[in-house]
N, C-alpha and C. Protein backbone atom coordinates (compact mmCIF):
# COMPACT_ATOMS: atom_id res chain seq x y z
N MET A 1 32.86 -9.47 4.78
CA MET A 1 33.48 -8.07 4.37
C MET A 1 32.14 -7.40 3.55
N SER A 2 31.26 -6.34 4.59
CA SER A 2 30.47 -5.65 3.70
C SER A 2 30.91 -4.89 2.55
N ALA A 3 29.49 -4.62 1.81
CA ALA A 3 29.86 -3.47 0.55
C ALA A 3 30.80 -2.36 1.25
N SER A 4 30.65 -1.86 1.93
CA SER A 4 31.10 -0.60 2.27
C SER A 4 32.59 -0.79 2.52
N GLU A 5 33.17 -2.02 3.20
CA GLU A 5 34.37 -2.46 3.19
C GLU A 5 35.52 -2.40 2.15
N PRO A 6 36.82 -1.26 2.38
CA PRO A 6 37.61 -1.40 1.27
C PRO A 6 38.14 -2.63 0.85
N LYS A 7 38.18 -3.14 -0.37
CA LYS A 7 38.86 -4.36 -1.03
C LYS A 7 40.34 -4.30 -1.74
N PRO A 8 41.10 -5.02 -1.71
CA PRO A 8 42.52 -4.83 -2.35
C PRO A 8 41.70 -4.64 -3.90
N GLY A 9 42.56 -3.61 -4.52
CA GLY A 9 42.46 -2.90 -5.66
C GLY A 9 41.54 -1.52 -5.77
N ASP A 10 40.78 -1.36 -4.48
CA ASP A 10 39.95 -0.28 -4.73
C ASP A 10 40.92 1.00 -4.66
N PRO A 11 40.56 1.89 -5.44
CA PRO A 11 41.14 3.38 -5.74
C PRO A 11 41.32 3.89 -4.10
N LEU A 12 42.39 4.78 -3.73
CA LEU A 12 42.59 5.40 -2.47
C LEU A 12 42.00 6.77 -2.85
N THR A 13 41.10 7.03 -1.78
CA THR A 13 40.54 8.43 -1.88
C THR A 13 41.86 9.70 -1.51
N GLU A 14 41.43 10.72 -1.58
CA GLU A 14 42.39 11.73 -1.94
C GLU A 14 43.00 12.09 -0.64
N ARG A 15 42.03 11.78 0.81
CA ARG A 15 42.27 11.60 2.47
C ARG A 15 43.31 10.47 2.76
N GLU A 16 42.95 9.16 2.10
CA GLU A 16 44.07 8.18 2.19
C GLU A 16 45.21 8.59 1.52
N LEU A 17 45.23 9.05 0.52
CA LEU A 17 46.57 9.43 -0.21
C LEU A 17 47.26 10.58 0.87
N LYS A 18 46.83 11.45 1.03
CA LYS A 18 47.49 12.41 2.01
C LYS A 18 48.13 11.87 3.40
N VAL A 19 46.92 10.89 3.84
CA VAL A 19 47.61 10.62 5.11
C VAL A 19 48.94 9.33 5.11
N MET A 20 48.70 8.65 3.73
CA MET A 20 50.14 7.69 3.70
C MET A 20 51.27 8.80 3.30
N VAL A 21 51.07 10.07 2.70
CA VAL A 21 52.08 10.99 2.10
C VAL A 21 52.59 11.37 3.62
N GLY A 22 51.83 11.60 4.65
CA GLY A 22 52.07 11.99 5.95
C GLY A 22 52.81 11.11 6.53
N ILE A 23 52.44 10.15 6.45
CA ILE A 23 53.20 8.65 7.14
C ILE A 23 54.52 8.65 6.52
N ALA A 24 54.65 8.61 5.11
CA ALA A 24 55.92 8.50 4.63
C ALA A 24 57.09 9.58 4.81
N ASN A 25 56.43 10.74 5.28
CA ASN A 25 56.91 11.69 5.80
C ASN A 25 57.76 11.48 7.15
N GLY A 26 57.15 10.48 7.68
CA GLY A 26 57.56 10.79 9.37
C GLY A 26 56.80 11.07 10.34
N ARG A 27 55.73 11.45 9.77
CA ARG A 27 54.80 12.61 10.75
C ARG A 27 54.03 11.47 11.51
N THR A 28 53.80 11.96 12.76
CA THR A 28 52.80 11.03 13.60
C THR A 28 51.05 11.29 13.28
N ARG A 29 50.45 10.25 13.66
CA ARG A 29 49.32 10.42 13.32
C ARG A 29 48.45 11.56 13.59
N ALA A 30 48.96 12.04 14.67
CA ALA A 30 48.70 13.17 15.72
C ALA A 30 48.87 14.52 14.70
N ALA A 31 50.04 14.60 14.01
CA ALA A 31 50.68 15.64 13.35
C ALA A 31 49.60 15.71 12.05
N ILE A 32 49.56 14.62 11.67
CA ILE A 32 48.92 14.57 9.96
C ILE A 32 47.19 14.98 10.37
N ALA A 33 46.90 14.67 11.71
CA ALA A 33 45.33 15.00 12.00
C ALA A 33 45.25 16.36 11.94
N GLY A 34 46.17 17.32 12.89
CA GLY A 34 46.32 18.56 12.86
C GLY A 34 46.25 19.22 11.37
N GLU A 35 47.22 18.97 10.50
CA GLU A 35 47.71 19.22 9.22
C GLU A 35 45.89 19.13 8.35
N LEU A 36 45.35 18.01 8.55
CA LEU A 36 44.25 17.67 7.88
C LEU A 36 43.20 18.36 8.26
N GLY A 37 43.05 18.58 9.60
CA GLY A 37 41.59 19.17 10.24
C GLY A 37 40.75 18.18 10.64
N VAL A 38 41.25 16.76 10.94
CA VAL A 38 40.51 15.97 11.60
C VAL A 38 41.19 15.29 12.71
N CYS A 39 40.30 14.29 13.18
CA CYS A 39 40.84 13.79 14.63
C CYS A 39 41.98 12.72 14.24
N PRO A 40 42.57 12.27 15.02
CA PRO A 40 43.59 11.20 15.07
C PRO A 40 42.91 9.86 14.55
N ASP A 41 41.93 9.40 15.10
CA ASP A 41 40.79 8.26 14.61
C ASP A 41 40.84 8.36 13.44
N THR A 42 40.30 9.61 12.79
CA THR A 42 40.32 9.47 11.35
C THR A 42 41.38 9.41 10.68
N VAL A 43 42.44 9.71 11.00
CA VAL A 43 43.80 9.48 10.40
C VAL A 43 44.13 7.81 10.47
N ARG A 44 43.71 7.41 11.74
CA ARG A 44 44.49 6.15 11.74
C ARG A 44 43.14 4.98 10.84
N SER A 45 41.89 5.58 10.65
CA SER A 45 41.20 4.91 9.99
C SER A 45 41.68 4.80 8.41
N ALA A 46 41.88 5.85 7.79
CA ALA A 46 42.54 6.35 6.90
C ALA A 46 43.37 5.27 6.52
N ALA A 47 44.47 5.42 7.12
CA ALA A 47 45.56 4.60 6.76
C ALA A 47 45.21 3.19 6.74
N GLY A 48 44.16 2.68 7.70
CA GLY A 48 44.07 1.09 7.73
C GLY A 48 43.41 0.71 6.47
N ARG A 49 42.18 1.86 5.98
CA ARG A 49 41.71 1.52 4.78
C ARG A 49 42.65 1.51 3.54
N ALA A 50 43.73 2.36 3.59
CA ALA A 50 44.98 2.25 2.37
C ALA A 50 45.64 1.16 2.80
N ARG A 51 45.89 0.57 3.70
CA ARG A 51 46.46 -0.54 4.06
C ARG A 51 45.93 -1.91 3.35
N ARG A 52 44.60 -1.76 3.61
CA ARG A 52 43.63 -2.65 3.00
C ARG A 52 43.65 -2.90 1.57
N LYS A 53 43.29 -1.75 1.02
CA LYS A 53 43.19 -1.21 -0.29
C LYS A 53 44.44 -2.25 -1.31
N LEU A 54 45.57 -1.65 -0.74
CA LEU A 54 46.89 -1.86 -0.93
C LEU A 54 47.24 -3.47 -0.90
N GLY A 55 46.55 -4.26 0.09
CA GLY A 55 46.93 -5.55 0.37
C GLY A 55 48.09 -5.16 1.15
N ALA A 56 48.28 -4.09 2.01
CA ALA A 56 49.87 -4.21 2.88
C ALA A 56 49.35 -4.74 4.23
N GLY A 57 50.01 -5.28 4.80
CA GLY A 57 50.12 -5.60 6.48
C GLY A 57 50.57 -4.38 6.97
N THR A 58 51.59 -3.51 6.83
CA THR A 58 51.91 -2.32 7.57
C THR A 58 52.01 -0.97 6.74
N ASP A 59 52.13 0.19 7.55
CA ASP A 59 52.20 1.44 6.91
C ASP A 59 53.38 1.47 6.02
N ALA A 60 54.87 1.04 6.37
CA ALA A 60 55.76 0.74 5.70
C ALA A 60 55.72 0.19 4.13
N GLN A 61 54.86 -1.14 4.33
CA GLN A 61 54.73 -1.86 3.02
C GLN A 61 53.91 -0.83 2.03
N ALA A 62 52.63 -0.23 2.63
CA ALA A 62 51.68 0.67 1.78
C ALA A 62 52.59 1.49 1.31
N VAL A 63 53.17 2.64 2.19
CA VAL A 63 54.16 3.27 1.59
C VAL A 63 54.99 3.16 0.23
N VAL A 64 55.76 1.66 0.35
CA VAL A 64 56.59 1.08 -0.95
C VAL A 64 55.47 0.55 -2.14
N LEU A 65 54.50 0.35 -1.83
CA LEU A 65 53.40 -0.41 -2.89
C LEU A 65 53.23 1.27 -3.46
N LEU A 66 52.89 2.41 -2.80
CA LEU A 66 52.57 3.23 -3.52
C LEU A 66 53.25 3.63 -4.09
N PHE A 67 54.50 3.76 -3.85
CA PHE A 67 55.79 4.31 -4.71
C PHE A 67 55.71 3.47 -6.18
N ALA A 68 55.40 1.89 -5.66
CA ALA A 68 55.58 1.16 -6.99
C ALA A 68 54.40 1.63 -7.78
N LEU A 69 53.25 1.72 -7.31
CA LEU A 69 51.96 1.83 -8.21
C LEU A 69 52.00 3.47 -8.83
N ARG A 70 53.01 4.30 -8.30
CA ARG A 70 53.05 5.55 -8.61
C ARG A 70 51.94 6.54 -8.36
N GLN A 71 51.59 6.49 -7.28
CA GLN A 71 50.53 6.99 -6.74
C GLN A 71 51.28 8.49 -6.00
N PHE A 72 52.25 8.34 -5.44
CA PHE A 72 53.00 9.52 -5.13
C PHE A 72 54.72 9.34 -5.52
N ASP A 73 55.32 10.51 -5.48
CA ASP A 73 56.79 10.44 -5.93
C ASP A 73 57.58 10.87 -5.09
N LEU A 74 58.92 11.01 -5.07
CA LEU A 74 59.93 11.31 -4.25
C LEU A 74 59.74 13.03 -4.17
N HIS A 75 59.26 13.82 -4.90
CA HIS A 75 59.13 15.36 -4.76
C HIS A 75 58.10 15.59 -3.51
N GLU A 76 57.05 14.33 -3.10
CA GLU A 76 56.37 14.69 -2.24
C GLU A 76 56.96 14.44 -0.73
N ILE A 77 58.13 13.62 -0.70
CA ILE A 77 58.74 13.03 0.44
C ILE A 77 59.96 13.85 0.67
N ARG A 78 59.83 14.35 2.27
CA ARG A 78 61.09 15.09 2.81
C ARG A 78 62.06 14.10 3.53
N PHE A 79 63.38 14.17 2.95
CA PHE A 79 64.21 13.41 3.67
C PHE A 79 65.05 14.09 4.71
N PRO A 80 64.90 13.30 5.79
CA PRO A 80 65.74 14.14 6.89
C PRO A 80 67.36 14.36 6.53
N ARG A 81 67.28 15.47 6.75
CA ARG A 81 69.05 15.84 6.77
C ARG A 81 69.99 15.03 7.45
N GLU A 82 69.45 14.70 8.72
CA GLU A 82 70.51 13.60 9.42
C GLU A 82 70.93 12.02 8.45
N LEU A 83 69.92 12.18 7.36
CA LEU A 83 70.09 10.90 6.68
C LEU A 83 71.31 11.11 5.49
N LEU A 84 71.66 12.38 5.30
CA LEU A 84 72.78 12.96 4.67
C LEU A 84 74.02 12.95 5.02
N ALA A 85 75.27 12.61 4.39
CA ALA A 85 76.69 12.60 4.74
C ALA A 85 76.98 14.04 5.43
N PRO A 86 77.81 13.80 6.35
CA PRO A 86 78.07 15.11 6.98
C PRO A 86 78.76 15.83 5.84
N GLY A 87 77.96 17.24 5.88
CA GLY A 87 78.91 18.24 5.08
C GLY A 87 78.00 18.20 3.57
N GLU A 88 77.19 17.42 3.56
CA GLU A 88 76.56 17.04 2.28
C GLU A 88 75.30 18.30 2.27
N VAL A 89 75.15 18.92 1.43
CA VAL A 89 73.87 19.64 1.22
C VAL A 89 72.73 19.25 0.61
N GLY A 90 72.96 18.15 -0.13
CA GLY A 90 71.87 17.49 -0.95
C GLY A 90 72.38 16.15 -1.46
N ALA A 91 71.32 15.39 -2.09
CA ALA A 91 71.35 14.20 -2.84
C ALA A 91 70.65 14.13 -3.48
N SER A 92 70.91 13.04 -4.64
CA SER A 92 69.95 12.67 -5.66
C SER A 92 69.59 11.13 -5.54
N VAL A 93 68.23 11.27 -6.01
CA VAL A 93 67.96 9.80 -6.11
C VAL A 93 67.43 9.35 -7.25
N GLN A 94 68.20 8.14 -8.07
CA GLN A 94 67.58 7.65 -9.25
C GLN A 94 66.17 7.02 -9.07
N VAL A 95 65.23 7.27 -10.01
CA VAL A 95 64.13 6.87 -9.87
C VAL A 95 63.43 6.85 -11.74
N ASN A 96 63.47 5.42 -11.95
CA ASN A 96 63.11 5.02 -13.38
C ASN A 96 63.68 6.13 -14.40
N GLY A 97 65.16 6.12 -13.97
CA GLY A 97 66.27 6.86 -15.07
C GLY A 97 65.86 8.69 -14.87
N GLY A 98 65.17 9.12 -14.02
CA GLY A 98 65.22 10.63 -13.65
C GLY A 98 65.65 10.72 -12.13
N ALA A 99 66.66 11.54 -12.28
CA ALA A 99 67.14 12.09 -10.72
C ALA A 99 66.23 13.01 -10.41
N VAL A 100 66.37 12.95 -8.74
CA VAL A 100 65.54 13.73 -8.14
C VAL A 100 66.36 14.15 -7.15
N ALA A 101 66.43 15.77 -6.70
CA ALA A 101 67.38 16.16 -5.76
C ALA A 101 66.63 16.36 -4.47
N VAL A 102 67.42 16.15 -3.33
CA VAL A 102 67.13 16.23 -1.81
C VAL A 102 67.88 17.06 -1.04
């Protein structure tokens, strides 16, 4: 591993964090790239660096670890309405004693 290669425990860059928030929201790499004004390969690279820094094998594992490390919270994640019960307008999720409405 060269000096420029990310290592587990290295902090995420702002771009890597934005990419992971996009992934957590279910966006495609192409959609994230369009939102950030970069090419999809840049998004793929940023996600890979984030996974290596977090010691995660998959994007899903990386997202869970970011929640656990408090790098982002539920306010940044949009829950698809189809996950809510029919007729339910919103839901709340308990996070460390605090409720977050969705």
